[in-house]
């Protein structure tokens, strides 16, 4: 239930452009990052709320999962910017 709620809230925020503005992402990058998050992360596990983790915990998980998901460096950076924006709504990057 919590994962579904997070996905719905994230989708609503993304549709309003909040994540893109906070991370400085163009619309095309925002769509790519969202797709990466769903395709690469949800392929193996439920989508976790990034705000549930400390900065150091999240950085460690991102490094580990980027390798497992075989993300290219540019994909990892884009996904990281996107998820950082979700972790800190309203924060300017």
PDB file of N, CA and C in Angstrom:
ATOM      1  N   UNK A   1       0.825  -1.192   0.000  1.00  0.00           N
ATOM      2  CA  UNK A   1       0.000   0.000   0.000  1.00  0.00           C
ATOM      3  C   UNK A   1       0.871   1.259   0.000  1.00  0.00           C
ATOM      4  N   UNK A   2       1.875   1.277   0.854  1.00  0.00           N
ATOM      5  CA  UNK A   2       2.735   2.449   0.961  1.00  0.00           C
ATOM      6  C   UNK A   2       3.474   2.706  -0.348  1.00  0.00           C
ATOM      7  N   UNK A   3       3.960   1.626  -0.992  1.00  0.00           N
ATOM      8  CA  UNK A   3       4.656   1.774  -2.265  1.00  0.00           C
ATOM      9  C   UNK A   3       3.745   2.347  -3.338  1.00  0.00           C
ATOM     10  N   UNK A   4       2.507   1.883  -3.362  1.00  0.00           N
ATOM     11  CA  UNK A   4       1.536   2.386  -4.332  1.00  0.00           C
ATOM     12  C   UNK A   4       1.257   3.855  -4.091  1.00  0.00           C
ATOM     13  N   UNK A   5       1.111   4.230  -2.829  1.00  0.00           N
ATOM     14  CA  UNK A   5       0.877   5.628  -2.492  1.00  0.00           C
ATOM     15  C   UNK A   5       2.056   6.489  -2.928  1.00  0.00           C
ATOM     16  N   UNK A   6       3.272   5.998  -2.681  1.00  0.00           N
ATOM     17  CA  UNK A   6       4.457   6.752  -3.088  1.00  0.00           C
ATOM     18  C   UNK A   6       4.476   6.948  -4.595  1.00  0.00           C
ATOM     19  N   UNK A   7       4.166   5.904  -5.340  1.00  0.00           N
ATOM     20  CA  UNK A   7       4.160   6.001  -6.800  1.00  0.00           C
ATOM     21  C   UNK A   7       3.122   7.019  -7.260  1.00  0.00           C
ATOM     22  N   UNK A   8       1.939   6.982  -6.676  1.00  0.00           N
ATOM     23  CA  UNK A   8       0.891   7.921  -7.066  1.00  0.00           C
ATOM     24  C   UNK A   8       1.270   9.361  -6.729  1.00  0.00           C
ATOM     25  N   UNK A   9       1.825   9.567  -5.551  1.00  0.00           N
ATOM     26  CA  UNK A   9       2.251  10.910  -5.162  1.00  0.00           C
ATOM     27  C   UNK A   9       3.385  11.399  -6.053  1.00  0.00           C
ATOM     28  N   UNK A  10       4.318  10.510  -6.343  1.00  0.00           N
ATOM     29  CA  UNK A  10       5.435  10.865  -7.215  1.00  0.00           C
ATOM     30  C   UNK A  10       4.923  11.226  -8.599  1.00  0.00           C
ATOM     31  N   UNK A  11       4.006  10.425  -9.117  1.00  0.00           N
ATOM     32  CA  UNK A  11       3.454  10.695 -10.449  1.00  0.00           C
ATOM     33  C   UNK A  11       2.751  12.046 -10.469  1.00  0.00           C
ATOM     34  N   UNK A  12       1.991  12.348  -9.439  1.00  0.00           N
ATOM     35  CA  UNK A  12       1.291  13.635  -9.378  1.00  0.00           C
ATOM     36  C   UNK A  12       2.289  14.786  -9.344  1.00  0.00           C
ATOM     37  N   UNK A  13       3.345  14.637  -8.560  1.00  0.00           N
ATOM     38  CA  UNK A  13       4.357  15.687  -8.459  1.00  0.00           C
ATOM     39  C   UNK A  13       5.086  15.865  -9.783  1.00  0.00           C
ATOM     40  N   UNK A  14       5.392  14.748 -10.425  1.00  0.00           N
ATOM     41  CA  UNK A  14       6.086  14.800 -11.713  1.00  0.00           C
ATOM     42  C   UNK A  14       5.210  15.473 -12.753  1.00  0.00           C
ATOM     43  N   UNK A  15       3.936  15.128 -12.793  1.00  0.00           N
ATOM     44  CA  UNK A  15       3.036  15.718 -13.772  1.00  0.00           C
ATOM     45  C   UNK A  15       2.909  17.221 -13.576  1.00  0.00           C
ATOM     46  N   UNK A  16       3.052  17.661 -12.340  1.00  0.00           N
ATOM     47  CA  UNK A  16       2.997  19.099 -12.059  1.00  0.00           C
ATOM     48  C   UNK A  16       4.340  19.774 -12.315  1.00  0.00           C
ATOM     49  N   UNK A  17       5.377  18.986 -12.615  1.00  0.00           N
ATOM     50  CA  UNK A  17       6.677  19.550 -12.929  1.00  0.00           C
ATOM     51  C   UNK A  17       7.564  19.801 -11.723  1.00  0.00           C
ATOM     52  N   UNK A  18       7.138  19.418 -10.536  1.00  0.00           N
ATOM     53  CA  UNK A  18       7.904  19.673  -9.319  1.00  0.00           C
ATOM     54  C   UNK A  18       9.283  19.053  -9.337  1.00  0.00           C
ATOM     55  N   UNK A  19       9.374  17.802  -9.692  1.00  0.00           N
ATOM     56  CA  UNK A  19      10.677  17.125  -9.700  1.00  0.00           C
ATOM     57  C   UNK A  19      11.601  17.731 -10.732  1.00  0.00           C
ATOM     58  N   UNK A  20      11.077  18.064 -11.880  1.00  0.00           N
ATOM     59  CA  UNK A  20      11.898  18.647 -12.934  1.00  0.00           C
ATOM     60  C   UNK A  20      12.458  19.993 -12.535  1.00  0.00           C
ATOM     61  N   UNK A  21      11.625  20.831 -11.942  1.00  0.00           N
ATOM     62  CA  UNK A  21      12.100  22.146 -11.509  1.00  0.00           C
ATOM     63  C   UNK A  21      13.129  21.997 -10.399  1.00  0.00           C
ATOM     64  N   UNK A  22      12.865  21.120  -9.438  1.00  0.00           N
ATOM     65  CA  UNK A  22      13.773  20.958  -8.297  1.00  0.00           C
ATOM     66  C   UNK A  22      15.125  20.419  -8.725  1.00  0.00           C
ATOM     67  N   UNK A  23      15.142  19.540  -9.701  1.00  0.00           N
ATOM     68  CA  UNK A  23      16.399  18.926 -10.139  1.00  0.00           C
ATOM     69  C   UNK A  23      17.010  19.645 -11.335  1.00  0.00           C
ATOM     70  N   UNK A  24      16.324  20.656 -11.857  1.00  0.00           N
ATOM     71  CA  UNK A  24      16.824  21.358 -13.026  1.00  0.00           C
ATOM     72  C   UNK A  24      16.785  20.492 -14.273  1.00  0.00           C
ATOM     73  N   UNK A  25      15.820  19.584 -14.349  1.00  0.00           N
ATOM     74  CA  UNK A  25      15.716  18.662 -15.477  1.00  0.00           C
ATOM     75  C   UNK A  25      14.755  19.187 -16.540  1.00  0.00           C
ATOM     76  N   UNK A  26      15.142  19.033 -17.776  1.00  0.00           N
ATOM     77  CA  UNK A  26      14.250  19.342 -18.897  1.00  0.00           C
ATOM     78  C   UNK A  26      13.159  18.274 -18.933  1.00  0.00           C
ATOM     79  N   UNK A  27      12.058  18.580 -19.593  1.00  0.00           N
ATOM     80  CA  UNK A  27      10.955  17.619 -19.672  1.00  0.00           C
ATOM     81  C   UNK A  27      11.397  16.269 -20.230  1.00  0.00           C
ATOM     82  N   UNK A  28      12.233  16.278 -21.260  1.00  0.00           N
ATOM     83  CA  UNK A  28      12.681  15.018 -21.856  1.00  0.00           C
ATOM     84  C   UNK A  28      13.540  14.226 -20.871  1.00  0.00           C
ATOM     85  N   UNK A  29      14.402  14.929 -20.120  1.00  0.00           N
ATOM     86  CA  UNK A  29      15.221  14.252 -19.108  1.00  0.00           C
ATOM     87  C   UNK A  29      14.352  13.712 -17.978  1.00  0.00           C
ATOM     88  N   UNK A  30      13.341  14.470 -17.625  1.00  0.00           N
ATOM     89  CA  UNK A  30      12.423  14.044 -16.566  1.00  0.00           C
ATOM     90  C   UNK A  30      11.719  12.749 -16.952  1.00  0.00           C
ATOM     91  N   UNK A  31      11.258  12.677 -18.193  1.00  0.00           N
ATOM     92  CA  UNK A  31      10.593  11.456 -18.676  1.00  0.00           C
ATOM     93  C   UNK A  31      11.571  10.281 -18.701  1.00  0.00           C
ATOM     94  N   UNK A  32      12.791  10.539 -19.135  1.00  0.00           N
ATOM     95  CA  UNK A  32      13.806   9.487 -19.178  1.00  0.00           C
ATOM     96  C   UNK A  32      14.130   8.991 -17.774  1.00  0.00           C
ATOM     97  N   UNK A  33      14.297   9.910 -16.833  1.00  0.00           N
ATOM     98  CA  UNK A  33      14.615   9.537 -15.448  1.00  0.00           C
ATOM     99  C   UNK A  33      13.485   8.734 -14.819  1.00  0.00           C
ATOM    100  N   UNK A  34      12.260   9.179 -15.047  1.00  0.00           N
ATOM    101  CA  UNK A  34      11.095   8.461 -14.505  1.00  0.00           C
ATOM    102  C   UNK A  34      11.030   7.047 -15.082  1.00  0.00           C
ATOM    103  N   UNK A  35      11.282   6.935 -16.373  1.00  0.00           N
ATOM    104  CA  UNK A  35      11.261   5.622 -17.027  1.00  0.00           C
ATOM    105  C   UNK A  35      12.372   4.732 -16.470  1.00  0.00           C
ATOM    106  N   UNK A  36      13.567   5.292 -16.293  1.00  0.00           N
ATOM    107  CA  UNK A  36      14.668   4.524 -15.691  1.00  0.00           C
ATOM    108  C   UNK A  36      14.279   4.008 -14.312  1.00  0.00           C
ATOM    109  N   UNK A  37      13.683   4.870 -13.522  1.00  0.00           N
ATOM    110  CA  UNK A  37      13.281   4.508 -12.163  1.00  0.00           C
ATOM    111  C   UNK A  37      12.313   3.332 -12.181  1.00  0.00           C
ATOM    112  N   UNK A  38      11.359   3.389 -13.079  1.00  0.00           N
ATOM    113  CA  UNK A  38      10.360   2.320 -13.144  1.00  0.00           C
ATOM    114  C   UNK A  38      10.942   1.050 -13.764  1.00  0.00           C
ATOM    115  N   UNK A  39      11.630   1.182 -14.893  1.00  0.00           N
ATOM    116  CA  UNK A  39      12.135   0.015 -15.617  1.00  0.00           C
ATOM    117  C   UNK A  39      13.318  -0.646 -14.915  1.00  0.00           C
ATOM    118  N   UNK A  40      14.280   0.140 -14.494  1.00  0.00           N
ATOM    119  CA  UNK A  40      15.497  -0.432 -13.915  1.00  0.00           C
ATOM    120  C   UNK A  40      15.328  -0.820 -12.445  1.00  0.00           C
ATOM    121  N   UNK A  41      14.557  -0.055 -11.688  1.00  0.00           N
ATOM    122  CA  UNK A  41      14.443  -0.330 -10.251  1.00  0.00           C
ATOM    123  C   UNK A  41      13.309  -1.312  -9.936  1.00  0.00           C
ATOM    124  N   UNK A  42      12.142  -1.054 -10.506  1.00  0.00           N
ATOM    125  CA  UNK A  42      10.988  -1.906 -10.215  1.00  0.00           C
ATOM    126  C   UNK A  42      11.088  -3.269 -10.883  1.00  0.00           C
ATOM    127  N   UNK A  43      12.051  -3.424 -11.753  1.00  0.00           N
ATOM    128  CA  UNK A  43      12.258  -4.715 -12.409  1.00  0.00           C
ATOM    129  C   UNK A  43      12.581  -5.807 -11.378  1.00  0.00           C
ATOM    130  N   UNK A  44      13.278  -5.410 -10.320  1.00  0.00           N
ATOM    131  CA  UNK A  44      13.719  -6.390  -9.325  1.00  0.00           C
ATOM    132  C   UNK A  44      13.051  -6.243  -7.954  1.00  0.00           C
ATOM    133  N   UNK A  45      12.541  -5.081  -7.647  1.00  0.00           N
ATOM    134  CA  UNK A  45      11.954  -4.869  -6.319  1.00  0.00           C
ATOM    135  C   UNK A  45      10.937  -3.744  -6.372  1.00  0.00           C
ATOM    136  N   UNK A  46      10.185  -3.583  -5.276  1.00  0.00           N
ATOM    137  CA  UNK A  46       9.221  -2.484  -5.213  1.00  0.00           C
ATOM    138  C   UNK A  46       9.977  -1.163  -5.208  1.00  0.00           C
ATOM    139  N   UNK A  47       9.303  -0.112  -5.603  1.00  0.00           N
ATOM    140  CA  UNK A  47       9.915   1.210  -5.600  1.00  0.00           C
ATOM    141  C   UNK A  47       9.898   1.735  -4.166  1.00  0.00           C
ATOM    142  N   UNK A  48      11.056   2.103  -3.688  1.00  0.00           N
ATOM    143  CA  UNK A  48      11.183   2.604  -2.324  1.00  0.00           C
ATOM    144  C   UNK A  48      11.088   4.121  -2.314  1.00  0.00           C
ATOM    145  N   UNK A  49      10.619   4.654  -1.204  1.00  0.00           N
ATOM    146  CA  UNK A  49      10.555   6.096  -1.033  1.00  0.00           C
ATOM    147  C   UNK A  49      11.945   6.583  -0.649  1.00  0.00           C
ATOM    148  N   UNK A  50      12.604   7.341  -1.502  1.00  0.00           N
ATOM    149  CA  UNK A  50      13.968   7.790  -1.207  1.00  0.00           C
ATOM    150  C   UNK A  50      14.067   8.622   0.062  1.00  0.00           C
ATOM    151  N   UNK A  51      12.984   9.266   0.458  1.00  0.00           N
ATOM    152  CA  UNK A  51      12.992  10.107   1.656  1.00  0.00           C
ATOM    153  C   UNK A  51      13.085   9.290   2.945  1.00  0.00           C
ATOM    154  N   UNK A  52      12.926   7.985   2.857  1.00  0.00           N
ATOM    155  CA  UNK A  52      13.013   7.122   4.042  1.00  0.00           C
ATOM    156  C   UNK A  52      14.454   6.835   4.448  1.00  0.00           C
ATOM    157  N   UNK A  53      15.415   7.325   3.698  1.00  0.00           N
ATOM    158  CA  UNK A  53      16.826   7.010   3.935  1.00  0.00           C
ATOM    159  C   UNK A  53      17.625   8.284   4.198  1.00  0.00           C
ATOM    160  N   UNK A  54      18.669   8.141   5.002  1.00  0.00           N
ATOM    161  CA  UNK A  54      19.584   9.264   5.202  1.00  0.00           C
ATOM    162  C   UNK A  54      20.380   9.466   3.923  1.00  0.00           C
ATOM    163  N   UNK A  55      21.062  10.598   3.831  1.00  0.00           N
ATOM    164  CA  UNK A  55      21.876  10.869   2.644  1.00  0.00           C
ATOM    165  C   UNK A  55      22.920   9.780   2.421  1.00  0.00           C
ATOM    166  N   UNK A  56      23.605   9.372   3.495  1.00  0.00           N
ATOM    167  CA  UNK A  56      24.659   8.360   3.336  1.00  0.00           C
ATOM    168  C   UNK A  56      24.074   6.991   2.991  1.00  0.00           C
ATOM    169  N   UNK A  57      22.948   6.639   3.590  1.00  0.00           N
ATOM    170  CA  UNK A  57      22.296   5.363   3.253  1.00  0.00           C
ATOM    171  C   UNK A  57      21.864   5.358   1.790  1.00  0.00           C
ATOM    172  N   UNK A  58      21.267   6.470   1.366  1.00  0.00           N
ATOM    173  CA  UNK A  58      20.777   6.537  -0.007  1.00  0.00           C
ATOM    174  C   UNK A  58      21.929   6.482  -1.007  1.00  0.00           C
ATOM    175  N   UNK A  59      23.009   7.179  -0.710  1.00  0.00           N
ATOM    176  CA  UNK A  59      24.176   7.169  -1.600  1.00  0.00           C
ATOM    177  C   UNK A  59      24.740   5.753  -1.730  1.00  0.00           C
ATOM    178  N   UNK A  60      24.793   5.033  -0.623  1.00  0.00           N
ATOM    179  CA  UNK A  60      25.300   3.658  -0.651  1.00  0.00           C
ATOM    180  C   UNK A  60      24.380   2.762  -1.479  1.00  0.00           C
ATOM    181  N   UNK A  61      23.078   2.895  -1.293  1.00  0.00           N
ATOM    182  CA  UNK A  61      22.129   2.086  -2.065  1.00  0.00           C
ATOM    183  C   UNK A  61      22.189   2.430  -3.547  1.00  0.00           C
ATOM    184  N   UNK A  62      22.286   3.717  -3.848  1.00  0.00           N
ATOM    185  CA  UNK A  62      22.363   4.126  -5.259  1.00  0.00           C
ATOM    186  C   UNK A  62      23.593   3.528  -5.933  1.00  0.00           C
ATOM    187  N   UNK A  63      24.731   3.563  -5.258  1.00  0.00           N
ATOM    188  CA  UNK A  63      25.965   3.004  -5.835  1.00  0.00           C
ATOM    189  C   UNK A  63      25.816   1.504  -6.072  1.00  0.00           C
ATOM    190  N   UNK A  64      25.274   0.812  -5.088  1.00  0.00           N
ATOM    191  CA  UNK A  64      25.105  -0.643  -5.192  1.00  0.00           C
ATOM    192  C   UNK A  64      24.101  -1.003  -6.294  1.00  0.00           C
ATOM    193  N   UNK A  65      22.967  -0.336  -6.285  1.00  0.00           N
ATOM    194  CA  UNK A  65      21.909  -0.675  -7.237  1.00  0.00           C
ATOM    195  C   UNK A  65      22.251  -0.230  -8.661  1.00  0.00           C
ATOM    196  N   UNK A  66      22.998   0.847  -8.806  1.00  0.00           N
ATOM    197  CA  UNK A  66      23.406   1.287 -10.149  1.00  0.00           C
ATOM    198  C   UNK A  66      24.243   0.207 -10.824  1.00  0.00           C
ATOM    199  N   UNK A  67      25.101  -0.434 -10.045  1.00  0.00           N
ATOM    200  CA  UNK A  67      25.906  -1.532 -10.593  1.00  0.00           C
ATOM    201  C   UNK A  67      25.029  -2.714 -10.962  1.00  0.00           C
ATOM    202  N   UNK A  68      24.126  -3.087 -10.039  1.00  0.00           N
ATOM    203  CA  UNK A  68      23.251  -4.235 -10.298  1.00  0.00           C
ATOM    204  C   UNK A  68      22.344  -3.998 -11.504  1.00  0.00           C
ATOM    205  N   UNK A  69      21.875  -2.759 -11.657  1.00  0.00           N
ATOM    206  CA  UNK A  69      20.975  -2.423 -12.760  1.00  0.00           C
ATOM    207  C   UNK A  69      21.745  -2.153 -14.052  1.00  0.00           C
ATOM    208  N   UNK A  70      23.073  -2.176 -13.946  1.00  0.00           N
ATOM    209  CA  UNK A  70      23.942  -1.926 -15.097  1.00  0.00           C
ATOM    210  C   UNK A  70      23.639  -0.588 -15.762  1.00  0.00           C
ATOM    211  N   UNK A  71      23.494   0.426 -14.912  1.00  0.00           N
ATOM    212  CA  UNK A  71      23.262   1.766 -15.430  1.00  0.00           C
ATOM    213  C   UNK A  71      24.549   2.334 -16.003  1.00  0.00           C
ATOM    214  N   UNK A  72      24.427   3.008 -17.122  1.00  0.00           N
ATOM    215  CA  UNK A  72      25.562   3.752 -17.662  1.00  0.00           C
ATOM    216  C   UNK A  72      25.758   4.968 -16.771  1.00  0.00           C
ATOM    217  N   UNK A  73      26.953   5.559 -16.830  1.00  0.00           N
ATOM    218  CA  UNK A  73      27.274   6.689 -15.960  1.00  0.00           C
ATOM    219  C   UNK A  73      26.266   7.823 -16.117  1.00  0.00           C
ATOM    220  N   UNK A  74      25.890   8.145 -17.352  1.00  0.00           N
ATOM    221  CA  UNK A  74      24.934   9.235 -17.562  1.00  0.00           C
ATOM    222  C   UNK A  74      23.545   8.877 -17.034  1.00  0.00           C
ATOM    223  N   UNK A  75      23.165   7.602 -17.130  1.00  0.00           N
ATOM    224  CA  UNK A  75      21.885   7.159 -16.581  1.00  0.00           C
ATOM    225  C   UNK A  75      21.896   7.255 -15.055  1.00  0.00           C
ATOM    226  N   UNK A  76      22.997   6.844 -14.456  1.00  0.00           N
ATOM    227  CA  UNK A  76      23.124   6.902 -13.003  1.00  0.00           C
ATOM    228  C   UNK A  76      23.033   8.351 -12.509  1.00  0.00           C
ATOM    229  N   UNK A  77      23.698   9.261 -13.205  1.00  0.00           N
ATOM    230  CA  UNK A  77      23.665  10.670 -12.809  1.00  0.00           C
ATOM    231  C   UNK A  77      22.264  11.261 -12.954  1.00  0.00           C
ATOM    232  N   UNK A  78      21.597  10.942 -14.056  1.00  0.00           N
ATOM    233  CA  UNK A  78      20.247  11.444 -14.289  1.00  0.00           C
ATOM    234  C   UNK A  78      19.283  10.896 -13.243  1.00  0.00           C
ATOM    235  N   UNK A  79      19.332   9.609 -13.011  1.00  0.00           N
ATOM    236  CA  UNK A  79      18.458   8.983 -12.024  1.00  0.00           C
ATOM    237  C   UNK A  79      18.740   9.524 -10.629  1.00  0.00           C
ATOM    238  N   UNK A  80      19.989   9.734 -10.322  1.00  0.00           N
ATOM    239  CA  UNK A  80      20.367  10.277  -9.025  1.00  0.00           C
ATOM    240  C   UNK A  80      19.806  11.686  -8.828  1.00  0.00           C
ATOM    241  N   UNK A  81      19.908  12.526  -9.842  1.00  0.00           N
ATOM    242  CA  UNK A  81      19.353  13.887  -9.751  1.00  0.00           C
ATOM    243  C   UNK A  81      17.844  13.846  -9.557  1.00  0.00           C
ATOM    244  N   UNK A  82      17.197  12.973 -10.292  1.00  0.00           N
ATOM    245  CA  UNK A  82      15.743  12.826 -10.202  1.00  0.00           C
ATOM    246  C   UNK A  82      15.329  12.373  -8.802  1.00  0.00           C
ATOM    247  N   UNK A  83      15.989  11.338  -8.302  1.00  0.00           N
ATOM    248  CA  UNK A  83      15.622  10.809  -6.989  1.00  0.00           C
ATOM    249  C   UNK A  83      16.016  11.749  -5.870  1.00  0.00           C
ATOM    250  N   UNK A  84      17.090  12.482  -6.026  1.00  0.00           N
ATOM    251  CA  UNK A  84      17.445  13.498  -5.031  1.00  0.00           C
ATOM    252  C   UNK A  84      16.359  14.555  -4.939  1.00  0.00           C
ATOM    253  N   UNK A  85      15.773  14.921  -6.069  1.00  0.00           N
ATOM    254  CA  UNK A  85      14.680  15.888  -6.065  1.00  0.00           C
ATOM    255  C   UNK A  85      13.461  15.325  -5.353  1.00  0.00           C
ATOM    256  N   UNK A  86      13.215  14.032  -5.502  1.00  0.00           N
ATOM    257  CA  UNK A  86      12.093  13.400  -4.810  1.00  0.00           C
ATOM    258  C   UNK A  86      12.357  13.304  -3.306  1.00  0.00           C
ATOM    259  N   UNK A  87      13.629  13.166  -2.947  1.00  0.00           N
ATOM    260  CA  UNK A  87      13.997  13.085  -1.534  1.00  0.00           C
ATOM    261  C   UNK A  87      13.831  14.439  -0.847  1.00  0.00           C
ATOM    262  N   UNK A  88      14.034  15.509  -1.593  1.00  0.00           N
ATOM    263  CA  UNK A  88      13.990  16.848  -1.026  1.00  0.00           C
ATOM    264  C   UNK A  88      13.050  17.736  -1.842  1.00  0.00           C
ATOM    265  N   UNK A  89      11.747  17.490  -1.739  1.00  0.00           N
ATOM    266  CA  UNK A  89      10.805  18.294  -2.525  1.00  0.00           C
ATOM    267  C   UNK A  89      11.017  19.790  -2.315  1.00  0.00           C
ATOM    268  N   UNK A  90      11.058  20.501  -3.436  1.00  0.00           N
ATOM    269  CA  UNK A  90      11.216  21.944  -3.381  1.00  0.00           C
ATOM    270  C   UNK A  90      12.647  22.429  -3.319  1.00  0.00           C
ATOM    271  N   UNK A  91      13.586  21.507  -3.159  1.00  0.00           N
ATOM    272  CA  UNK A  91      14.987  21.920  -3.077  1.00  0.00           C
ATOM    273  C   UNK A  91      15.503  22.235  -4.470  1.00  0.00           C
ATOM    274  N   UNK A  92      16.195  23.300  -4.591  1.00  0.00           N
ATOM    275  CA  UNK A  92      16.789  23.659  -5.884  1.00  0.00           C
ATOM    276  C   UNK A  92      18.134  22.975  -6.010  1.00  0.00           C
ATOM    277  N   UNK A  93      18.419  22.402  -7.150  1.00  0.00           N
ATOM    278  CA  UNK A  93      19.685  21.704  -7.387  1.00  0.00           C
ATOM    279  C   UNK A  93      20.553  22.544  -8.278  1.00  0.00           C
TER     280      UNK A  93
END
